[in-house]
PDB file of all heavy atoms in Angstrom:
ATOM      1  N   GLN A   1      20.018 117.780  53.824  1.00  0.00           N
ATOM      2  CA  GLN A   1      20.196 117.377  52.440  1.00  0.00           C
ATOM      3  C   GLN A   1      20.645 115.921  52.311  1.00  0.00           C
ATOM      4  O   GLN A   1      20.124 115.174  51.483  1.00  0.00           O
ATOM      5  CB  GLN A   1      21.204 118.309  51.753  1.00  0.00           C
ATOM      6  CG  GLN A   1      20.812 119.768  51.757  1.00  0.00           C
ATOM      7  CD  GLN A   1      19.474 120.037  51.114  1.00  0.00           C
ATOM      8  OE1 GLN A   1      19.201 119.547  50.011  1.00  0.00           O
ATOM      9  NE2 GLN A   1      18.635 120.807  51.783  1.00  0.00           N
ATOM     10  N   ALA A   2      21.613 115.524  53.119  1.00  0.00           N
ATOM     11  CA  ALA A   2      22.115 114.153  53.016  1.00  0.00           C
ATOM     12  C   ALA A   2      21.014 113.140  53.295  1.00  0.00           C
ATOM     13  O   ALA A   2      20.946 112.075  52.663  1.00  0.00           O
ATOM     14  CB  ALA A   2      23.284 113.950  53.987  1.00  0.00           C
ATOM     15  N   GLU A   3      20.139 113.481  54.237  1.00  0.00           N
ATOM     16  CA  GLU A   3      19.014 112.608  54.568  1.00  0.00           C
ATOM     17  C   GLU A   3      18.078 112.460  53.371  1.00  0.00           C
ATOM     18  O   GLU A   3      17.614 111.348  53.042  1.00  0.00           O
ATOM     19  CB  GLU A   3      18.279 113.229  55.754  1.00  0.00           C
ATOM     20  CG  GLU A   3      17.227 112.371  56.405  1.00  0.00           C
ATOM     21  CD  GLU A   3      16.575 113.087  57.575  1.00  0.00           C
ATOM     22  OE1 GLU A   3      16.945 114.252  57.860  1.00  0.00           O
ATOM     23  OE2 GLU A   3      15.698 112.479  58.185  1.00  0.00           O
ATOM     24  N   ALA A   4      17.796 113.569  52.698  1.00  0.00           N
ATOM     25  CA  ALA A   4      16.917 113.522  51.525  1.00  0.00           C
ATOM     26  C   ALA A   4      17.547 112.707  50.402  1.00  0.00           C
ATOM     27  O   ALA A   4      16.878 111.879  49.760  1.00  0.00           O
ATOM     28  CB  ALA A   4      16.614 114.944  51.039  1.00  0.00           C
ATOM     29  N   HIS A   5      18.829 112.913  50.154  1.00  0.00           N
ATOM     30  CA  HIS A   5      19.492 112.158  49.090  1.00  0.00           C
ATOM     31  C   HIS A   5      19.547 110.670  49.424  1.00  0.00           C
ATOM     32  O   HIS A   5      19.415 109.824  48.520  1.00  0.00           O
ATOM     33  CB  HIS A   5      20.890 112.723  48.855  1.00  0.00           C
ATOM     34  CG  HIS A   5      20.879 113.993  48.062  1.00  0.00           C
ATOM     35  ND1 HIS A   5      21.027 114.020  46.683  1.00  0.00           N
ATOM     36  CD2 HIS A   5      20.706 115.285  48.435  1.00  0.00           C
ATOM     37  CE1 HIS A   5      20.959 115.269  46.253  1.00  0.00           C
ATOM     38  NE2 HIS A   5      20.763 116.057  47.302  1.00  0.00           N
ATOM     39  N   ALA A   6      19.713 110.341  50.694  1.00  0.00           N
ATOM     40  CA  ALA A   6      19.725 108.929  51.088  1.00  0.00           C
ATOM     41  C   ALA A   6      18.367 108.280  50.836  1.00  0.00           C
ATOM     42  O   ALA A   6      18.287 107.134  50.361  1.00  0.00           O
ATOM     43  CB  ALA A   6      20.114 108.800  52.562  1.00  0.00           C
ATOM     44  N   LEU A   7      17.294 109.005  51.119  1.00  0.00           N
ATOM     45  CA  LEU A   7      15.954 108.481  50.869  1.00  0.00           C
ATOM     46  C   LEU A   7      15.720 108.272  49.376  1.00  0.00           C
ATOM     47  O   LEU A   7      15.175 107.235  48.960  1.00  0.00           O
ATOM     48  CB  LEU A   7      14.917 109.441  51.432  1.00  0.00           C
ATOM     49  CG  LEU A   7      14.780 109.478  52.956  1.00  0.00           C
ATOM     50  CD1 LEU A   7      14.081 110.762  53.398  1.00  0.00           C
ATOM     51  CD2 LEU A   7      14.017 108.252  53.454  1.00  0.00           C
ATOM     52  N   VAL A   8      16.131 109.238  48.567  1.00  0.00           N
ATOM     53  CA  VAL A   8      15.975 109.118  47.116  1.00  0.00           C
ATOM     54  C   VAL A   8      16.728 107.901  46.600  1.00  0.00           C
ATOM     55  O   VAL A   8      16.206 107.121  45.789  1.00  0.00           O
ATOM     56  CB  VAL A   8      16.459 110.411  46.430  1.00  0.00           C
ATOM     57  CG1 VAL A   8      16.631 110.201  44.924  1.00  0.00           C
ATOM     58  CG2 VAL A   8      15.477 111.550  46.696  1.00  0.00           C
ATOM     59  N   GLN A   9      17.942 107.714  47.079  1.00  0.00           N
ATOM     60  CA  GLN A   9      18.733 106.564  46.630  1.00  0.00           C
ATOM     61  C   GLN A   9      18.129 105.255  47.100  1.00  0.00           C
ATOM     62  O   GLN A   9      18.159 104.249  46.391  1.00  0.00           O
ATOM     63  CB  GLN A   9      20.169 106.711  47.125  1.00  0.00           C
ATOM     64  CG  GLN A   9      20.944 107.821  46.416  1.00  0.00           C
ATOM     65  CD  GLN A   9      22.347 107.972  46.953  1.00  0.00           C
ATOM     66  OE1 GLN A   9      22.561 108.450  48.058  1.00  0.00           O
ATOM     67  NE2 GLN A   9      23.325 107.562  46.164  1.00  0.00           N
ATOM     68  N   GLU A  10      17.575 105.261  48.310  1.00  0.00           N
ATOM     69  CA  GLU A  10      16.979 104.030  48.835  1.00  0.00           C
ATOM     70  C   GLU A  10      15.735 103.630  48.049  1.00  0.00           C
ATOM     71  O   GLU A  10      15.519 102.449  47.771  1.00  0.00           O
ATOM     72  CB  GLU A  10      16.646 104.211  50.319  1.00  0.00           C
ATOM     73  CG  GLU A  10      16.318 102.918  51.039  1.00  0.00           C
ATOM     74  CD  GLU A  10      16.334 103.048  52.545  1.00  0.00           C
ATOM     75  OE1 GLU A  10      16.896 104.041  53.063  1.00  0.00           O
ATOM     76  OE2 GLU A  10      15.772 102.155  53.210  1.00  0.00           O
ATOM     77  N   VAL A  11      14.907 104.603  47.689  1.00  0.00           N
ATOM     78  CA  VAL A  11      13.727 104.295  46.869  1.00  0.00           C
ATOM     79  C   VAL A  11      14.170 103.833  45.485  1.00  0.00           C
ATOM     80  O   VAL A  11      13.608 102.888  44.923  1.00  0.00           O
ATOM     81  CB  VAL A  11      12.811 105.523  46.782  1.00  0.00           C
ATOM     82  CG1 VAL A  11      11.683 105.279  45.769  1.00  0.00           C
ATOM     83  CG2 VAL A  11      12.218 105.852  48.145  1.00  0.00           C
ATOM     84  N   GLY A  12      15.164 104.495  44.925  1.00  0.00           N
ATOM     85  CA  GLY A  12      15.744 104.043  43.662  1.00  0.00           C
ATOM     86  C   GLY A  12      14.918 104.341  42.431  1.00  0.00           C
ATOM     87  O   GLY A  12      15.115 103.702  41.387  1.00  0.00           O
ATOM     88  N   ALA A  13      14.019 105.308  42.509  1.00  0.00           N
ATOM     89  CA  ALA A  13      13.202 105.687  41.355  1.00  0.00           C
ATOM     90  C   ALA A  13      13.837 106.888  40.668  1.00  0.00           C
ATOM     91  O   ALA A  13      14.138 107.890  41.317  1.00  0.00           O
ATOM     92  CB  ALA A  13      11.778 106.024  41.783  1.00  0.00           C
ATOM     93  N   SER A  14      14.033 106.820  39.370  1.00  0.00           N
ATOM     94  CA  SER A  14      14.725 107.897  38.657  1.00  0.00           C
ATOM     95  C   SER A  14      13.936 109.194  38.649  1.00  0.00           C
ATOM     96  O   SER A  14      14.510 110.270  38.425  1.00  0.00           O
ATOM     97  CB  SER A  14      15.017 107.466  37.214  1.00  0.00           C
ATOM     98  OG  SER A  14      13.810 107.213  36.508  1.00  0.00           O
ATOM     99  N   ASN A  15      12.633 109.143  38.891  1.00  0.00           N
ATOM    100  CA  ASN A  15      11.804 110.351  38.886  1.00  0.00           C
ATOM    101  C   ASN A  15      11.523 110.877  40.298  1.00  0.00           C
ATOM    102  O   ASN A  15      10.664 111.741  40.472  1.00  0.00           O
ATOM    103  CB  ASN A  15      10.485 110.106  38.151  1.00  0.00           C
ATOM    104  CG  ASN A  15       9.579 109.123  38.879  1.00  0.00           C
ATOM    105  OD1 ASN A  15      10.058 108.128  39.432  1.00  0.00           O
ATOM    106  ND2 ASN A  15       8.283 109.387  38.873  1.00  0.00           N
ATOM    107  N   LEU A  16      12.228 110.367  41.314  1.00  0.00           N
ATOM    108  CA  LEU A  16      12.150 110.918  42.663  1.00  0.00           C
ATOM    109  C   LEU A  16      13.413 111.726  42.918  1.00  0.00           C
ATOM    110  O   LEU A  16      14.526 111.206  42.835  1.00  0.00           O
ATOM    111  CB  LEU A  16      12.025 109.800  43.704  1.00  0.00           C
ATOM    112  CG  LEU A  16      11.958 110.263  45.156  1.00  0.00           C
ATOM    113  CD1 LEU A  16      10.717 111.115  45.416  1.00  0.00           C
ATOM    114  CD2 LEU A  16      12.003 109.070  46.105  1.00  0.00           C
ATOM    115  N   LYS A  17      13.231 113.030  43.210  1.00  0.00           N
ATOM    116  CA  LYS A  17      14.380 113.928  43.310  1.00  0.00           C
ATOM    117  C   LYS A  17      14.255 114.839  44.531  1.00  0.00           C
ATOM    118  O   LYS A  17      13.232 114.857  45.213  1.00  0.00           O
ATOM    119  CB  LYS A  17      14.512 114.759  42.029  1.00  0.00           C
ATOM    120  CG  LYS A  17      14.761 113.881  40.797  1.00  0.00           C
ATOM    121  CD  LYS A  17      14.964 114.689  39.539  1.00  0.00           C
ATOM    122  CE  LYS A  17      15.238 113.760  38.345  1.00  0.00           C
ATOM    123  NZ  LYS A  17      15.468 114.535  37.100  1.00  0.00           N
ATOM    124  N   VAL A  18      15.310 115.591  44.765  1.00  0.00           N
ATOM    125  CA  VAL A  18      15.375 116.500  45.904  1.00  0.00           C
ATOM    126  C   VAL A  18      15.066 117.922  45.453  1.00  0.00           C
ATOM    127  O   VAL A  18      15.530 118.369  44.401  1.00  0.00           O
ATOM    128  CB  VAL A  18      16.762 116.448  46.571  1.00  0.00           C
ATOM    129  CG1 VAL A  18      16.862 117.473  47.707  1.00  0.00           C
ATOM    130  CG2 VAL A  18      17.061 115.043  47.086  1.00  0.00           C
ATOM    131  N   GLN A  19      14.276 118.608  46.244  1.00  0.00           N
ATOM    132  CA  GLN A  19      14.011 120.037  46.059  1.00  0.00           C
ATOM    133  C   GLN A  19      14.933 120.776  47.031  1.00  0.00           C
ATOM    134  O   GLN A  19      14.730 120.729  48.247  1.00  0.00           O
ATOM    135  CB  GLN A  19      12.541 120.310  46.363  1.00  0.00           C
ATOM    136  CG  GLN A  19      12.089 121.738  46.179  1.00  0.00           C
ATOM    137  CD  GLN A  19      10.587 121.831  46.326  1.00  0.00           C
ATOM    138  OE1 GLN A  19       9.836 121.007  45.794  1.00  0.00           O
ATOM    139  NE2 GLN A  19      10.115 122.831  47.061  1.00  0.00           N
ATOM    140  N   LEU A  20      15.946 121.434  46.510  1.00  0.00           N
ATOM    141  CA  LEU A  20      16.958 122.100  47.333  1.00  0.00           C
ATOM    142  C   LEU A  20      16.590 123.575  47.492  1.00  0.00           C
ATOM    143  O   LEU A  20      16.775 124.374  46.578  1.00  0.00           O
ATOM    144  CB  LEU A  20      18.344 121.948  46.698  1.00  0.00           C
ATOM    145  CG  LEU A  20      19.494 122.775  47.287  1.00  0.00           C
ATOM    146  CD1 LEU A  20      19.622 122.587  48.796  1.00  0.00           C
ATOM    147  CD2 LEU A  20      20.809 122.405  46.584  1.00  0.00           C
ATOM    148  N   ASP A  21      16.060 123.897  48.642  1.00  0.00           N
ATOM    149  CA  ASP A  21      15.728 125.280  48.965  1.00  0.00           C
ATOM    150  C   ASP A  21      16.925 125.867  49.713  1.00  0.00           C
ATOM    151  O   ASP A  21      17.240 125.458  50.833  1.00  0.00           O
ATOM    152  CB  ASP A  21      14.467 125.313  49.831  1.00  0.00           C
ATOM    153  CG  ASP A  21      13.954 126.722  50.063  1.00  0.00           C
ATOM    154  OD1 ASP A  21      14.778 127.618  50.331  1.00  0.00           O
ATOM    155  OD2 ASP A  21      12.721 126.927  49.996  1.00  0.00           O
ATOM    156  N   LEU A  22      17.583 126.831  49.093  1.00  0.00           N
ATOM    157  CA  LEU A  22      18.810 127.381  49.667  1.00  0.00           C
ATOM    158  C   LEU A  22      18.537 128.163  50.945  1.00  0.00           C
ATOM    159  O   LEU A  22      19.418 128.275  51.803  1.00  0.00           O
ATOM    160  CB  LEU A  22      19.520 128.247  48.633  1.00  0.00           C
ATOM    161  CG  LEU A  22      19.988 127.482  47.386  1.00  0.00           C
ATOM    162  CD1 LEU A  22      20.534 128.448  46.345  1.00  0.00           C
ATOM    163  CD2 LEU A  22      21.028 126.427  47.733  1.00  0.00           C
ATOM    164  N   TYR A  23      17.341 128.676  51.100  1.00  0.00           N
ATOM    165  CA  TYR A  23      16.951 129.349  52.341  1.00  0.00           C
ATOM    166  C   TYR A  23      16.942 128.344  53.501  1.00  0.00           C
ATOM    167  O   TYR A  23      17.575 128.548  54.534  1.00  0.00           O
ATOM    168  CB  TYR A  23      15.586 130.003  52.154  1.00  0.00           C
ATOM    169  CG  TYR A  23      14.888 130.420  53.423  1.00  0.00           C
ATOM    170  CD1 TYR A  23      15.231 131.601  54.075  1.00  0.00           C
ATOM    171  CD2 TYR A  23      13.871 129.627  53.959  1.00  0.00           C
ATOM    172  CE1 TYR A  23      14.578 131.985  55.243  1.00  0.00           C
ATOM    173  CE2 TYR A  23      13.208 130.009  55.121  1.00  0.00           C
ATOM    174  CZ  TYR A  23      13.565 131.183  55.763  1.00  0.00           C
ATOM    175  OH  TYR A  23      12.919 131.554  56.920  1.00  0.00           O
ATOM    176  N   HIS A  24      16.221 127.253  53.324  1.00  0.00           N
ATOM    177  CA  HIS A  24      16.170 126.231  54.377  1.00  0.00           C
ATOM    178  C   HIS A  24      17.555 125.642  54.637  1.00  0.00           C
ATOM    179  O   HIS A  24      17.949 125.434  55.790  1.00  0.00           O
ATOM    180  CB  HIS A  24      15.200 125.118  53.987  1.00  0.00           C
ATOM    181  CG  HIS A  24      13.764 125.537  53.964  1.00  0.00           C
ATOM    182  ND1 HIS A  24      13.130 126.101  55.037  1.00  0.00           N
ATOM    183  CD2 HIS A  24      12.842 125.469  52.970  1.00  0.00           C
ATOM    184  CE1 HIS A  24      11.875 126.361  54.727  1.00  0.00           C
ATOM    185  NE2 HIS A  24      11.672 125.984  53.471  1.00  0.00           N
TER     186      HIS A  24
END
């Protein structure tokens, strides 16, 4: 999760988000 959030923040686009699958 932290890796995905870091990528989203680095791209900096408000419409790029994380899909959090609780199973994974």
